[in-house]
């Protein structure tokens, strides 16, 4: 890192980007394992790919290599479960085995995305795991657990109070609406 950048300051800056909270699960040596992860994103719809980022020295990264995994999207009332899989035994997980040879799921998750291993890439001090989506489901209604500025958060007012706009409408820096999608 260049001398003018401090890792702690960069982490604080990046913490201003709110993320959802997931637990990535896999099975190793006949037992289910999981890790709390907020670095999760969709990559592609064709083929269907998602990405999770894990610290390269973590046990989770060693366990995930070459194995199917499931991304469990946590609900706002599942903060104790997130802490549990972050190493602070705060909850007792309820596992749902996968009948299809994919990774186990967690009971109570808002949604799950079960993946076959696709590729692993170097991401500096992290490894970037790409998974091909094999199964996915929304399991229940609810609000997601959110991570912001180093803490679990709840969403504000119900998203229903905001007026939805077509994706083709984009607001520019002056507040004017542009139509048509990507702009350079």
Protein backbone atom coordinates (compact mmCIF):
# COMPACT_ATOMS: atom_id res chain seq x y z
CA UNK A 1 0.00 0.00 0.00
CA UNK A 2 1.41 3.43 -0.85
CA UNK A 3 2.81 5.26 2.21
CA UNK A 4 0.06 7.91 2.07
CA UNK A 5 -2.54 5.18 2.70
CA UNK A 6 -3.11 3.55 6.03
CA UNK A 7 -4.87 0.15 6.04
CA UNK A 8 -7.07 1.12 9.00
CA UNK A 9 -8.11 4.37 7.33
CA UNK A 10 -8.88 2.52 4.10
CA UNK A 11 -10.97 -0.02 6.00
CA UNK A 12 -12.89 2.83 7.68
CA UNK A 13 -13.48 4.48 4.31
CA UNK A 14 -14.68 1.22 2.72
CA UNK A 15 -16.95 0.67 5.74
CA UNK A 16 -19.13 3.49 4.44
CA UNK A 17 -20.41 1.10 1.78
CA UNK A 18 -23.36 -0.78 3.32
CA UNK A 19 -23.53 -4.50 2.54
CA UNK A 20 -25.80 -7.39 3.24
CA UNK A 21 -24.64 -10.15 5.57
CA UNK A 22 -24.32 -13.76 4.48
CA UNK A 23 -23.02 -17.00 5.87
CA UNK A 24 -21.18 -19.08 3.30
CA UNK A 25 -21.48 -22.79 4.08
CA UNK A 26 -19.78 -25.93 2.84
CA UNK A 27 -19.30 -29.50 3.96
CA UNK A 28 -15.86 -30.92 4.78
CA UNK A 29 -14.96 -34.23 6.42
CA UNK A 30 -18.65 -35.04 6.76
CA UNK A 31 -19.45 -31.93 8.82
CA UNK A 32 -21.07 -28.60 7.91
CA UNK A 33 -18.98 -25.44 8.21
CA UNK A 34 -19.74 -21.75 7.73
CA UNK A 35 -18.22 -18.29 7.73
CA UNK A 36 -19.84 -14.88 7.97
CA UNK A 37 -19.14 -12.98 4.76
CA UNK A 38 -20.22 -9.56 3.56
CA UNK A 39 -18.13 -9.69 0.37
CA UNK A 40 -20.68 -11.38 -1.87
CA UNK A 41 -21.87 -10.30 -5.29
CA UNK A 42 -23.61 -11.47 -8.42
CA UNK A 43 -21.18 -11.78 -11.33
CA UNK A 44 -23.07 -13.16 -14.33
CA UNK A 45 -26.51 -14.37 -15.35
CA UNK A 46 -25.21 -16.39 -18.33
CA UNK A 47 -23.61 -18.51 -17.02
CA UNK A 48 -25.10 -17.91 -13.56
CA UNK A 49 -22.11 -16.98 -11.36
CA UNK A 50 -21.64 -15.41 -7.94
CA UNK A 51 -18.50 -14.41 -6.05
CA UNK A 52 -17.46 -14.55 -2.40
CA UNK A 53 -14.23 -13.14 -1.06
CA UNK A 54 -12.43 -14.81 1.87
CA UNK A 55 -9.17 -13.92 3.59
CA UNK A 56 -6.60 -16.26 2.08
CA UNK A 57 -5.31 -17.37 5.51
CA UNK A 58 -8.75 -18.18 6.89
CA UNK A 59 -9.95 -21.67 7.67
CA UNK A 60 -13.02 -20.96 5.52
CA UNK A 61 -10.83 -20.32 2.45
CA UNK A 62 -9.03 -23.64 2.98
CA UNK A 63 -12.33 -25.49 3.39
CA UNK A 64 -14.05 -23.89 0.39
CA UNK A 65 -11.37 -24.69 -2.18
CA UNK A 66 -12.86 -27.09 -4.73
CA UNK A 67 -16.07 -27.66 -2.76
CA UNK A 68 -19.70 -26.72 -3.42
CA UNK A 69 -20.86 -23.80 -1.27
CA UNK A 70 -24.11 -22.11 -0.32
CA UNK A 71 -24.57 -18.41 0.30
CA UNK A 72 -27.21 -17.88 3.01
CA UNK A 73 -28.63 -14.34 3.03
CA UNK A 74 -29.36 -13.46 6.67
CA UNK A 75 -32.43 -11.69 8.01
CA UNK A 76 -32.12 -8.72 10.35
CA UNK A 77 -33.01 -10.87 13.38
CA UNK A 78 -30.11 -13.27 12.63
CA UNK A 79 -27.27 -11.09 13.96
CA UNK A 80 -26.46 -13.74 16.61
CA UNK A 81 -26.03 -16.31 13.83
CA UNK A 82 -23.71 -13.94 11.96
CA UNK A 83 -21.65 -13.50 15.14
CA UNK A 84 -21.55 -17.28 15.64
CA UNK A 85 -20.00 -17.84 12.21
CA UNK A 86 -17.63 -14.92 12.79
CA UNK A 87 -16.10 -16.85 15.71
CA UNK A 88 -18.23 -15.58 18.59
CA UNK A 89 -20.38 -18.56 19.60
CA UNK A 90 -23.61 -16.60 19.94
CA UNK A 91 -26.16 -18.98 18.42
CA UNK A 92 -26.81 -22.59 17.61
CA UNK A 93 -27.22 -23.02 13.86
CA UNK A 94 -29.93 -25.26 12.42
CA UNK A 95 -28.63 -26.99 9.33
CA UNK A 96 -30.65 -28.16 6.34
CA UNK A 97 -28.76 -30.83 4.40
CA UNK A 98 -28.75 -30.60 0.63
CA UNK A 99 -30.23 -33.68 -1.01
CA UNK A 100 -28.48 -32.85 -4.29
CA UNK A 101 -24.83 -33.07 -3.21
CA UNK A 102 -24.55 -29.30 -2.83
CA UNK A 103 -23.55 -27.55 0.40
CA UNK A 104 -25.90 -27.48 3.41
CA UNK A 105 -28.15 -24.47 4.04
CA UNK A 106 -29.03 -22.60 7.23
CA UNK A 107 -32.60 -22.61 8.50
CA UNK A 108 -34.22 -19.19 8.66
CA UNK A 109 -32.21 -17.53 5.90
CA UNK A 110 -34.08 -15.09 3.69
CA UNK A 111 -32.61 -16.64 0.56
CA UNK A 112 -29.99 -19.20 -0.43
CA UNK A 113 -27.77 -19.57 -3.48
CA UNK A 114 -26.17 -23.02 -3.80
CA UNK A 115 -23.14 -23.24 -6.07
CA UNK A 116 -20.70 -25.65 -7.64
CA UNK A 117 -17.07 -24.46 -7.66
CA UNK A 118 -16.25 -22.51 -10.84
CA UNK A 119 -12.89 -20.75 -10.29
CA UNK A 120 -10.64 -19.25 -7.62
CA UNK A 121 -8.68 -16.05 -8.25
CA UNK A 122 -5.95 -14.19 -6.40
CA UNK A 123 -7.35 -11.11 -4.69
CA UNK A 124 -4.30 -9.89 -2.76
CA UNK A 125 -4.77 -10.92 0.86
CA UNK A 126 -8.08 -12.54 -0.16
CA UNK A 127 -9.14 -15.35 -2.49
CA UNK A 128 -12.07 -14.73 -4.81
CA UNK A 129 -14.29 -17.81 -5.10
CA UNK A 130 -16.58 -17.94 -8.11
CA UNK A 131 -19.45 -20.37 -7.92
CA UNK A 132 -21.82 -21.54 -10.63
CA UNK A 133 -25.38 -21.23 -9.32
CA UNK A 134 -27.02 -24.68 -9.28
CA UNK A 135 -30.01 -23.95 -7.02
CA UNK A 136 -31.45 -20.79 -5.50
CA UNK A 137 -34.52 -19.93 -3.47
CA UNK A 138 -36.20 -17.15 -1.55
CA UNK A 139 -37.37 -18.87 1.62
CA UNK A 140 -39.43 -16.20 3.33
CA UNK A 141 -40.30 -12.54 3.50
CA UNK A 142 -38.25 -10.40 5.78
CA UNK A 143 -35.69 -7.65 5.96
CA UNK A 144 -31.98 -8.30 5.47
CA UNK A 145 -29.26 -7.94 8.06
CA UNK A 146 -27.04 -5.02 7.00
CA UNK A 147 -23.38 -4.28 7.83
CA UNK A 148 -22.31 -0.62 7.90
CA UNK A 149 -19.34 1.13 9.52
CA UNK A 150 -18.24 -2.02 11.33
CA UNK A 151 -21.62 -2.83 12.90
CA UNK A 152 -24.81 -4.71 12.11
CA UNK A 153 -27.60 -2.33 11.19
CA UNK A 154 -31.29 -2.38 10.35
CA UNK A 155 -32.78 -0.76 7.30
CA UNK A 156 -34.68 2.47 7.78
CA UNK A 157 -38.30 2.99 6.75
CA UNK A 158 -39.92 0.28 4.68
CA UNK A 159 -38.67 0.34 1.09
CA UNK A 160 -42.34 0.54 0.05
CA UNK A 161 -42.31 4.29 0.84
CA UNK A 162 -39.90 4.95 -2.04
CA UNK A 163 -41.23 5.36 -5.56
CA UNK A 164 -39.75 2.76 -7.89
CA UNK A 165 -38.30 4.09 -11.15
CA UNK A 166 -37.54 2.15 -14.30
CA UNK A 167 -33.93 0.99 -14.41
CA UNK A 168 -33.43 2.95 -17.62
CA UNK A 169 -33.89 6.23 -15.70
CA UNK A 170 -30.65 7.41 -14.13
CA UNK A 171 -30.16 10.63 -12.18
CA UNK A 172 -27.05 12.61 -13.06
CA UNK A 173 -24.95 14.65 -10.59
CA UNK A 174 -27.22 17.72 -11.01
CA UNK A 175 -30.36 15.75 -10.15
CA UNK A 176 -31.59 15.61 -13.75
CA UNK A 177 -33.00 12.31 -14.95
CA UNK A 178 -31.18 10.69 -17.85
CA UNK A 179 -32.73 7.87 -19.83
CA UNK A 180 -31.07 4.91 -21.46
CA UNK A 181 -28.72 3.17 -19.02
CA UNK A 182 -24.92 3.36 -18.99
CA UNK A 183 -23.28 6.75 -19.49
CA UNK A 184 -19.59 7.56 -19.83
